[in-house]
Amino acid sequence: MMVAAGAVGAAPVAEPNTQVPAGSRHYAASSFPDRIVASPAQDAGSGFAVAWRTAPLPFVPRLELAIAGDSPDMGQVQQLTARSRALQSENGSSQHHRVDLTGLLPDTLYAYRVQGQDTWSAWHHFRTAASADQPLTLLYFGDTQNKNLSHVSRVIRQGWQTAPDARLALFAGDLVSGGDGQDDSEWGEWFAAAGALLPGMAVAPAAGNHEYFEEFEDTPQERRVLGGHWPVSFALPGNGAANATSTTYWFDYQAVRVVVLDGTSALDLGTARTQAKWLDGVLAASRQPWNIVVVHQPLYPLRAERDNTVLAEQVQPVLRRHHVDLVLQGHDHTYGRRGDDRGALPQYISSVAGPKQYRLSAQARATMQPVAEDTQLFQVLRIHQGRLHYEARTATGRLYDAFQISRDDAGKKQFSELREGRIGQRDCPRAASPKGRDDRCWE
């Protein structure tokens, strides 16, 4: 191993959170469209939405859409006008655009491109959701948050290599760290890390606490304020709970209803009761055989100092009443899984895709199995013919956790652990400390 001159015996220097040198505006918006991301419509079989970014434009940009074919002649192309919003960041002015595509054919491959200033993006492919009886593969990522380009990108690539048939990607919040004067550059690296996955897959993120900022910090007026990037970076369904409409939403994708909550708003802005009532209505109306809830903060915390009681007290009775299958979470920068106190389902899962790693509490170790520290992970879910098959895999693709839920014709469900092929439990090196360890394994 090579050591820099003068560094003998010194602690390693922590890697910066982004690869952008100080003062660089590498991720400034330009006339070329970038940060292109597709998200599911409420009915993912009949629509999707696209968001993208440019420098401020003197006209209203468009999206062009066609049914994808094998000829370079795209055939009949439909043009749709975008809605746009401005954003100011450390990288200057930008304009963020959105087009909602509705009335589409199910299980159909579409080609689309988006407009910039005197230029267009590449043509991207996006397939609408199929019918409920068709197989579905989806990816789930815990917190990405830190060092997205240098560390998280390999996890996302491995996830896609492991499940190339994945059509849907769920992110459980804290996509970026934020609040450090490099917010736009961090978002730039998140989009760069996810690469070609974003325009061609249905991307459904939850907002985490790092998507918020502290306003009037350490004063009686202190409050959380949603960062300016969240409302413009994604084209989400917009069918959420009152007082959290831009960060809560739901959609149906084949045989699954996915409901996304905002734990930060629930805990810090007093919307837990409102979100629980909204969740109750959304789940009561679901006719899907599978129901998944995504929320950033774990209802069963994995770190000793976490207290998410307000969220759990409001939400858990709703999850039990409607027999939710999975609750996918992040926030605690470890891995842990457990069933509900009253039965195997829901399965509560917390995971982390990024390099920032914490330690598990004694309570988490006693009540969850398996658990992991010091491990970047991604998760693959495969749903078909009355079975939900779950796998958690490490950054190198090794199997860490697996289970299956089977559903009979009457709707009764059976949970089964799948232990074959799993690697052993991973823990933080005991000598790790917050200083000089690049955020790994904090107490």
Protein backbone atom coordinates (compact mmCIF):
# COMPACT_ATOMS: atom_id res chain seq x y z
CA MET A 1 0.00 0.00 0.00
CA MET A 2 1.36 3.43 -0.92
CA VAL A 3 1.38 6.08 1.82
CA ALA A 4 1.71 9.78 1.11
CA ALA A 5 4.93 11.43 2.25
CA GLY A 6 4.67 12.78 5.78
CA ALA A 7 1.59 10.66 6.52
CA VAL A 8 3.32 7.79 8.33
CA GLY A 9 1.36 6.99 11.47
CA ALA A 10 -1.38 9.50 10.67
CA ALA A 11 -5.07 8.64 10.48
CA PRO A 12 -6.43 8.29 6.94
CA VAL A 13 -7.87 11.47 5.47
CA ALA A 14 -11.62 11.18 5.00
CA GLU A 15 -12.70 11.12 1.37
CA PRO A 16 -14.78 14.17 0.38
CA ASN A 17 -18.51 13.71 0.02
CA THR A 18 -18.43 14.56 -3.67
CA GLN A 19 -15.76 14.27 -6.34
CA VAL A 20 -16.22 17.95 -7.23
CA PRO A 21 -13.22 20.16 -6.38
CA ALA A 22 -13.90 23.28 -4.34
CA GLY A 23 -15.18 26.10 -6.51
CA SER A 24 -16.00 23.84 -9.46
CA ARG A 25 -19.35 24.20 -11.21
CA HIS A 26 -19.07 20.91 -13.01
CA TYR A 27 -22.75 20.15 -12.43
CA ALA A 28 -24.10 23.54 -13.52
CA ALA A 29 -27.11 23.32 -15.83
CA SER A 30 -26.52 23.87 -19.54
CA SER A 31 -28.50 23.98 -22.76
CA PHE A 32 -28.28 20.19 -22.90
CA PRO A 33 -31.03 18.32 -21.03
CA ASP A 34 -29.78 16.23 -18.10
CA ARG A 35 -31.01 14.62 -14.85
CA ILE A 36 -33.64 12.77 -16.86
CA VAL A 37 -35.71 10.46 -14.65
CA ALA A 38 -38.96 8.56 -15.21
CA SER A 39 -41.45 7.79 -12.45
CA PRO A 40 -44.66 5.74 -12.39
CA ALA A 41 -48.09 7.26 -12.80
CA GLN A 42 -50.75 6.33 -10.26
CA ASP A 43 -51.70 3.57 -12.68
CA ALA A 44 -48.31 2.47 -13.97
CA GLY A 45 -49.90 0.42 -16.72
CA SER A 46 -51.36 3.47 -18.44
CA GLY A 47 -48.78 6.16 -17.83
CA PHE A 48 -45.52 7.48 -16.50
CA ALA A 49 -43.97 10.90 -15.99
CA VAL A 50 -40.58 12.36 -16.88
CA ALA A 51 -38.55 15.09 -15.19
CA TRP A 52 -35.42 16.73 -16.58
CA ARG A 53 -33.24 19.82 -16.17
CA THR A 54 -31.71 22.52 -18.37
CA ALA A 55 -30.37 26.01 -17.99
CA PRO A 56 -33.21 28.59 -18.13
CA LEU A 57 -34.84 28.43 -21.58
CA PRO A 58 -36.54 31.24 -23.55
CA PHE A 59 -39.34 28.86 -24.58
CA VAL A 60 -41.44 26.00 -23.22
CA PRO A 61 -39.65 22.69 -23.93
CA ARG A 62 -41.32 19.55 -25.21
CA LEU A 63 -41.13 15.81 -24.86
CA GLU A 64 -41.49 13.60 -27.92
CA LEU A 65 -43.05 10.14 -27.56
CA ALA A 66 -43.45 7.19 -29.90
CA ILE A 67 -44.02 3.47 -29.65
CA ALA A 68 -40.50 2.05 -29.88
CA GLY A 69 -39.60 0.16 -33.03
CA ASP A 70 -36.55 -1.24 -34.77
CA SER A 71 -36.23 1.44 -37.44
CA PRO A 72 -34.33 4.71 -36.91
CA ASP A 73 -37.45 6.32 -38.31
CA MET A 74 -39.42 6.79 -35.10
CA GLY A 75 -42.70 6.81 -37.00
CA GLN A 76 -45.64 8.68 -35.51
CA VAL A 77 -44.25 10.98 -32.83
CA GLN A 78 -46.43 12.76 -30.29
CA GLN A 79 -45.24 16.07 -28.84
CA LEU A 80 -46.15 17.11 -25.31
CA THR A 81 -45.47 20.46 -23.64
CA ALA A 82 -43.64 20.56 -20.31
CA ARG A 83 -44.40 22.41 -17.10
CA SER A 84 -41.29 24.14 -15.76
CA ARG A 85 -39.99 25.52 -12.46
CA ALA A 86 -36.85 27.53 -11.74
CA LEU A 87 -34.25 26.67 -9.11
CA GLN A 88 -31.27 28.63 -7.80
CA SER A 89 -28.31 26.76 -6.27
CA GLU A 90 -24.57 27.06 -5.71
CA ASN A 91 -24.21 26.04 -9.35
CA GLY A 92 -26.34 28.92 -10.61
CA SER A 93 -29.76 29.03 -12.21
CA SER A 94 -31.53 25.97 -13.58
CA GLN A 95 -34.94 25.12 -14.94
CA HIS A 96 -36.67 21.83 -14.18
CA HIS A 97 -39.28 20.39 -16.49
CA ARG A 98 -42.01 17.79 -16.20
CA VAL A 99 -44.30 15.95 -18.59
CA ASP A 100 -47.03 13.50 -17.53
CA LEU A 101 -47.81 10.79 -20.07
CA THR A 102 -51.29 9.31 -19.78
CA GLY A 103 -53.60 7.06 -21.76
CA LEU A 104 -50.78 4.72 -22.76
CA LEU A 105 -50.96 1.02 -23.60
CA PRO A 106 -49.97 -1.47 -20.87
CA ASP A 107 -46.82 -3.56 -21.23
CA THR A 108 -45.71 -1.47 -24.20
CA LEU A 109 -42.21 -0.23 -24.94
CA TYR A 110 -42.18 3.50 -25.65
CA ALA A 111 -39.36 5.72 -26.89
CA TYR A 112 -39.11 9.30 -25.69
CA ARG A 113 -36.70 12.21 -25.76
CA VAL A 114 -36.70 15.64 -24.10
CA GLN A 115 -35.77 19.07 -25.40
CA GLY A 116 -33.03 21.49 -24.46
CA GLN A 117 -31.80 24.69 -26.08
CA ASP A 118 -31.29 23.90 -29.79
CA THR A 119 -30.78 20.24 -28.89
CA TRP A 120 -32.50 17.07 -27.69
CA SER A 121 -31.60 14.21 -25.39
CA ALA A 122 -31.00 10.71 -26.65
CA TRP A 123 -34.06 8.56 -27.25
CA HIS A 124 -34.83 6.55 -24.12
CA HIS A 125 -36.93 3.40 -23.79
CA PHE A 126 -39.56 2.95 -21.10
CA ARG A 127 -41.99 0.02 -20.80
CA THR A 128 -45.33 0.56 -19.08
CA ALA A 129 -46.43 -1.91 -16.42
CA ALA A 130 -48.00 -5.18 -17.52
CA SER A 131 -51.08 -6.93 -16.14
CA ALA A 132 -51.17 -8.21 -12.57
CA ASP A 133 -50.55 -11.82 -13.59
CA GLN A 134 -47.21 -11.04 -15.21
CA PRO A 135 -43.89 -11.38 -13.33
CA LEU A 136 -42.43 -8.24 -11.75
CA THR A 137 -38.88 -7.63 -10.57
CA LEU A 138 -38.07 -4.51 -8.57
CA LEU A 139 -35.02 -3.09 -6.79
CA TYR A 140 -34.99 -1.45 -3.36
CA PHE A 141 -32.13 0.71 -2.09
CA GLY A 142 -31.66 2.09 1.41
CA ASP A 143 -29.88 5.40 2.02
CA THR A 144 -27.45 6.38 -0.73
CA GLN A 145 -26.68 9.83 0.79
CA ASN A 146 -22.87 10.04 0.79
CA LYS A 147 -20.22 9.68 -1.90
CA ASN A 148 -22.81 8.74 -4.48
CA LEU A 149 -20.51 8.76 -7.47
CA SER A 150 -17.47 7.12 -5.90
CA HIS A 151 -19.18 4.50 -3.69
CA VAL A 152 -22.91 4.17 -4.37
CA SER A 153 -22.61 3.81 -8.14
CA ARG A 154 -21.11 0.32 -7.81
CA VAL A 155 -24.06 -0.83 -5.70
CA ILE A 156 -26.59 0.42 -8.24
CA ARG A 157 -24.64 -1.16 -11.10
CA GLN A 158 -24.46 -4.47 -9.24
CA GLY A 159 -28.16 -4.33 -8.54
CA TRP A 160 -28.93 -3.86 -12.21
CA GLN A 161 -26.48 -6.61 -13.22
CA THR A 162 -28.10 -8.97 -10.71
CA ALA A 163 -31.64 -8.11 -11.81
CA PRO A 164 -31.49 -6.86 -15.41
CA ASP A 165 -35.22 -7.49 -15.74
CA ALA A 166 -36.07 -4.99 -12.96
CA ARG A 167 -38.76 -2.51 -14.00
CA LEU A 168 -39.18 -0.52 -10.78
CA ALA A 169 -36.67 1.02 -8.36
CA LEU A 170 -37.59 2.13 -4.83
CA PHE A 171 -35.28 4.44 -2.85
CA ALA A 172 -35.92 4.72 0.90
CA GLY A 173 -34.80 8.33 1.37
CA ASP A 174 -31.66 10.36 2.10
CA LEU A 175 -30.62 10.24 -1.52
CA VAL A 176 -28.10 13.01 -0.79
CA SER A 177 -26.56 14.46 2.36
CA GLY A 178 -27.51 18.07 1.65
CA GLY A 179 -27.14 21.20 3.71
CA ASP A 180 -23.40 21.59 3.26
CA GLY A 181 -23.18 24.14 0.44
CA GLN A 182 -22.77 21.38 -2.15
CA ASP A 183 -26.40 20.41 -2.47
CA ASP A 184 -26.68 20.73 -6.25
CA SER A 185 -23.38 18.96 -6.83
CA GLU A 186 -24.55 16.13 -4.59
CA TRP A 187 -27.72 15.81 -6.63
CA GLY A 188 -25.60 15.87 -9.77
CA GLU A 189 -23.56 12.94 -8.46
CA TRP A 190 -26.69 11.04 -7.43
CA PHE A 191 -28.00 11.28 -10.98
CA ALA A 192 -24.57 10.34 -12.34
CA ALA A 193 -24.34 7.36 -9.98
CA ALA A 194 -27.68 5.93 -11.08
CA GLY A 195 -26.87 6.59 -14.74
CA ALA A 196 -29.03 4.96 -17.40
CA LEU A 197 -31.28 3.30 -14.81
CA LEU A 198 -33.17 6.56 -14.22
CA PRO A 199 -34.66 7.34 -17.65
CA GLY A 200 -35.66 3.75 -18.42
CA MET A 201 -37.03 2.44 -15.13
CA ALA A 202 -39.92 3.57 -12.94
CA VAL A 203 -38.10 5.38 -10.12
CA ALA A 204 -40.01 5.93 -6.86
CA PRO A 205 -38.08 7.66 -4.03
CA ALA A 206 -39.08 8.49 -0.47
CA ALA A 207 -37.95 11.75 1.11
CA GLY A 208 -35.57 11.39 4.05
CA ASN A 209 -34.51 13.85 6.71
CA HIS A 210 -31.55 14.91 4.55
CA GLU A 211 -33.94 16.07 1.85
CA TYR A 212 -34.92 18.69 4.44
CA PHE A 213 -33.00 21.64 5.89
CA GLU A 214 -33.04 23.16 9.37
CA GLU A 215 -34.39 26.71 9.31
CA PHE A 216 -33.74 29.02 12.29
CA GLU A 217 -31.57 26.31 13.83
CA ASP A 218 -31.09 26.45 17.63
CA THR A 219 -33.84 29.04 18.07
CA PRO A 220 -37.43 28.69 19.30
CA GLN A 221 -38.52 29.05 15.67
CA GLU A 222 -36.45 26.07 14.49
CA ARG A 223 -38.24 23.99 11.89
CA ARG A 224 -37.68 21.60 9.01
CA VAL A 225 -38.02 22.93 5.48
CA LEU A 226 -38.09 20.71 2.42
CA GLY A 227 -35.09 21.39 0.17
CA GLY A 228 -35.70 23.03 -3.19
CA HIS A 229 -34.43 20.07 -5.24
CA TRP A 230 -37.02 17.52 -4.10
CA PRO A 231 -40.17 19.07 -5.65
CA VAL A 232 -38.49 19.61 -9.03
CA SER A 233 -36.17 16.61 -9.43
CA PHE A 234 -38.88 13.94 -9.73
CA ALA A 235 -42.24 13.77 -11.47
CA LEU A 236 -44.19 11.94 -8.77
CA PRO A 237 -47.93 11.13 -8.81
CA GLY A 238 -49.03 14.04 -6.58
CA ASN A 239 -51.80 12.10 -4.82
CA GLY A 240 -50.39 12.33 -1.30
CA ALA A 241 -51.61 13.23 2.17
CA ALA A 242 -52.64 16.76 3.06
CA ASN A 243 -49.68 18.87 4.28
CA ALA A 244 -47.25 16.37 2.70
CA THR A 245 -48.46 16.32 -0.90
CA SER A 246 -45.03 16.53 -2.54
CA THR A 247 -43.44 13.80 -0.40
CA THR A 248 -46.21 11.21 -0.03
CA TYR A 249 -47.85 9.31 -2.87
CA TRP A 250 -49.04 5.92 -4.05
CA PHE A 251 -49.21 3.95 -7.26
CA ASP A 252 -50.19 0.54 -8.57
CA TYR A 253 -47.58 -1.45 -10.45
CA GLN A 254 -48.98 -4.76 -11.73
CA ALA A 255 -49.94 -6.80 -8.65
CA VAL A 256 -48.47 -4.36 -6.12
CA ARG A 257 -49.72 -1.20 -4.48
CA VAL A 258 -46.77 0.91 -3.30
CA VAL A 259 -47.41 3.66 -0.74
CA VAL A 260 -44.66 6.16 0.12
CA LEU A 261 -44.75 8.03 3.45
CA ASP A 262 -42.72 10.98 4.74
CA GLY A 263 -41.35 10.11 8.16
CA THR A 264 -39.58 13.46 8.63
CA SER A 265 -42.79 15.39 8.10
CA ALA A 266 -44.58 12.99 10.45
CA LEU A 267 -42.00 13.33 13.23
CA ASP A 268 -40.91 16.96 12.89
CA LEU A 269 -43.84 18.74 11.26
CA GLY A 270 -46.72 17.03 13.03
CA THR A 271 -48.29 15.21 10.10
CA ALA A 272 -48.17 11.66 11.49
CA ARG A 273 -51.92 11.48 12.18
CA THR A 274 -52.79 12.99 8.79
CA GLN A 275 -50.52 10.58 6.96
CA ALA A 276 -51.89 7.60 8.89
CA LYS A 277 -55.47 8.54 7.98
CA TRP A 278 -54.49 8.97 4.34
CA LEU A 279 -52.60 5.65 4.40
CA ASP A 280 -55.67 3.95 5.86
CA GLY A 281 -57.78 5.14 2.94
CA VAL A 282 -55.22 4.22 0.29
CA LEU A 283 -54.78 0.69 1.67
CA ALA A 284 -58.52 0.20 2.20
CA ALA A 285 -59.07 0.95 -1.49
CA SER A 286 -56.32 -1.40 -2.65
CA ARG A 287 -57.41 -4.43 -4.62
CA GLN A 288 -53.84 -5.60 -5.19
CA PRO A 289 -52.68 -8.95 -3.77
CA TRP A 290 -49.47 -7.29 -2.47
CA ASN A 291 -49.06 -4.03 -0.56
CA ILE A 292 -45.68 -2.40 0.17
CA VAL A 293 -45.05 0.74 2.24
CA VAL A 294 -41.85 2.78 1.90
CA VAL A 295 -40.79 5.19 4.66
CA HIS A 296 -37.37 6.57 5.55
CA GLN A 297 -37.39 6.27 9.35
CA PRO A 298 -37.68 2.69 10.69
CA LEU A 299 -40.73 1.91 12.77
CA TYR A 300 -38.42 -0.38 14.76
CA PRO A 301 -35.21 1.71 15.07
CA LEU A 302 -31.84 0.05 14.70
CA ARG A 303 -29.80 2.71 16.50
CA ALA A 304 -30.01 3.23 20.25
CA GLU A 305 -30.75 6.97 20.24
CA ARG A 306 -33.56 6.88 17.66
CA ASP A 307 -37.10 7.57 18.79
CA ASN A 308 -39.71 7.17 16.06
CA THR A 309 -42.55 6.45 18.47
CA VAL A 310 -44.88 9.14 17.12
CA LEU A 311 -44.64 7.69 13.63
CA ALA A 312 -44.96 4.07 14.74
CA GLU A 313 -47.96 4.68 17.02
CA GLN A 314 -49.93 6.23 14.17
CA VAL A 315 -48.85 4.02 11.28
CA GLN A 316 -48.46 0.50 12.68
CA PRO A 317 -52.16 -0.07 13.48
CA VAL A 318 -52.95 0.81 9.86
CA LEU A 319 -50.33 -1.59 8.52
CA ARG A 320 -51.72 -4.41 10.67
CA ARG A 321 -55.33 -3.68 9.81
CA HIS A 322 -54.66 -3.89 6.09
CA HIS A 323 -52.19 -6.81 6.22
CA VAL A 324 -49.32 -4.97 4.55
CA ASP A 325 -46.58 -7.31 3.35
CA LEU A 326 -43.38 -5.25 3.52
CA VAL A 327 -42.26 -1.99 5.09
CA LEU A 328 -39.07 -0.83 3.36
CA GLN A 329 -36.95 1.69 5.30
CA GLY A 330 -33.54 3.33 5.62
CA HIS A 331 -32.14 6.01 7.96
CA ASP A 332 -30.12 3.91 10.42
CA HIS A 333 -27.24 2.99 8.06
CA THR A 334 -27.25 -0.68 9.02
CA TYR A 335 -29.24 -3.73 7.92
CA GLY A 336 -31.93 -5.39 9.96
CA ARG A 337 -35.17 -7.29 9.45
CA ARG A 338 -37.98 -8.44 11.73
CA GLY A 339 -41.62 -9.42 11.60
CA ASP A 340 -44.42 -7.54 13.28
CA ASP A 341 -44.96 -8.08 17.00
CA ARG A 342 -48.25 -9.78 16.18
CA GLY A 343 -47.04 -12.09 13.41
CA ALA A 344 -44.63 -12.59 10.56
CA LEU A 345 -46.14 -9.84 8.41
CA PRO A 346 -45.42 -7.13 7.73
CA GLN A 347 -41.70 -7.71 7.42
CA TYR A 348 -39.93 -4.52 8.51
CA ILE A 349 -36.63 -4.08 6.64
CA SER A 350 -33.99 -1.37 6.98
CA SER A 351 -31.03 -1.21 4.63
CA VAL A 352 -28.24 1.05 3.44
CA ALA A 353 -26.69 1.38 -0.02
CA GLY A 354 -24.17 4.11 0.77
CA PRO A 355 -20.81 4.05 2.57
CA LYS A 356 -21.90 5.86 5.73
CA GLN A 357 -22.30 3.06 8.28
CA TYR A 358 -23.49 3.04 11.89
CA ARG A 359 -23.59 0.44 14.64
CA LEU A 360 -26.61 -1.57 15.72
CA SER A 361 -28.21 -1.12 19.11
CA ALA A 362 -28.38 -4.03 21.54
CA GLN A 363 -32.16 -3.97 21.09
CA ALA A 364 -31.86 -4.37 17.33
CA ARG A 365 -29.44 -7.26 17.70
CA ALA A 366 -31.84 -8.98 20.10
CA THR A 367 -34.99 -8.53 18.01
CA MET A 368 -33.82 -8.63 14.37
CA GLN A 369 -32.36 -11.38 12.25
CA PRO A 370 -30.33 -11.10 10.17
CA VAL A 371 -28.52 -7.85 10.91
CA ALA A 372 -25.43 -6.26 9.38
CA GLU A 373 -22.98 -3.43 9.94
CA ASP A 374 -20.25 -2.11 7.66
CA THR A 375 -22.03 -3.45 4.57
CA GLN A 376 -23.42 -1.78 1.44
CA LEU A 377 -26.50 -3.61 0.17
CA PHE A 378 -29.23 -3.65 -2.43
CA GLN A 379 -32.43 -5.68 -2.48
CA VAL A 380 -34.21 -7.59 -5.25
CA LEU A 381 -37.90 -8.48 -5.07
CA ARG A 382 -39.50 -10.87 -7.55
CA ILE A 383 -43.28 -11.25 -7.60
CA HIS A 384 -45.07 -13.87 -9.68
CA GLN A 385 -47.80 -16.52 -9.41
CA GLY A 386 -48.66 -15.96 -5.77
CA ARG A 387 -45.08 -15.64 -4.54
CA LEU A 388 -43.01 -12.71 -3.34
CA HIS A 389 -39.32 -13.66 -3.27
CA TYR A 390 -36.97 -11.26 -1.45
CA GLU A 391 -33.18 -11.10 -1.52
CA ALA A 392 -30.71 -8.69 0.08
CA ARG A 393 -27.31 -8.76 -1.58
CA THR A 394 -24.02 -7.06 -0.81
CA ALA A 395 -22.21 -4.59 -3.04
CA THR A 396 -20.38 -7.50 -4.65
CA GLY A 397 -23.60 -9.43 -5.27
CA ARG A 398 -23.30 -11.99 -2.44
CA LEU A 399 -26.56 -13.22 -0.90
CA TYR A 400 -27.04 -11.85 2.62
CA ASP A 401 -30.72 -12.40 3.37
CA ALA A 402 -33.69 -14.08 1.68
CA PHE A 403 -37.28 -15.04 2.36
CA GLN A 404 -40.48 -15.85 0.51
CA ILE A 405 -44.13 -15.03 1.05
CA SER A 406 -46.63 -17.36 -0.61
CA ARG A 407 -50.26 -16.41 -1.24
CA ASP A 408 -52.99 -18.95 -1.93
CA ASP A 409 -56.15 -18.40 -3.98
CA ALA A 410 -58.07 -17.35 -0.86
CA GLY A 411 -55.51 -14.67 -0.06
CA LYS A 412 -53.93 -16.45 2.91
CA LYS A 413 -50.20 -15.82 3.15
CA GLN A 414 -47.36 -17.99 4.41
CA PHE A 415 -43.91 -16.61 5.32
CA SER A 416 -40.78 -18.75 4.86
CA GLU A 417 -37.12 -18.03 5.63
CA LEU A 418 -34.67 -19.00 2.88
CA ARG A 419 -31.26 -19.62 4.45
CA GLU A 420 -29.38 -21.57 1.79
CA GLY A 421 -26.48 -19.68 0.24
CA ARG A 422 -26.42 -16.75 2.68
CA ILE A 423 -23.06 -15.44 3.84
CA GLY A 424 -22.37 -15.01 7.54
CA GLN A 425 -23.19 -11.97 9.65
CA ARG A 426 -21.11 -8.87 9.05
CA ASP A 427 -20.18 -6.44 11.84
CA CYS A 428 -18.14 -3.26 12.12
CA PRO A 429 -14.47 -3.64 12.94
CA ARG A 430 -14.36 -3.03 16.68
CA ALA A 431 -11.49 -0.54 16.36
CA ALA A 432 -13.47 1.77 14.10
CA SER A 433 -14.08 5.33 15.27
CA PRO A 434 -15.74 8.43 13.81
CA LYS A 435 -12.42 10.17 13.22
CA GLY A 436 -10.40 9.37 10.15
CA ARG A 437 -12.58 6.43 9.18
CA ASP A 438 -14.61 8.02 6.39
CA ASP A 439 -17.86 7.82 8.39
CA ARG A 440 -17.67 4.01 8.77
CA CYS A 441 -19.11 2.36 11.84
CA TRP A 442 -19.90 5.34 13.99
CA GLU A 443 -21.08 4.61 17.52
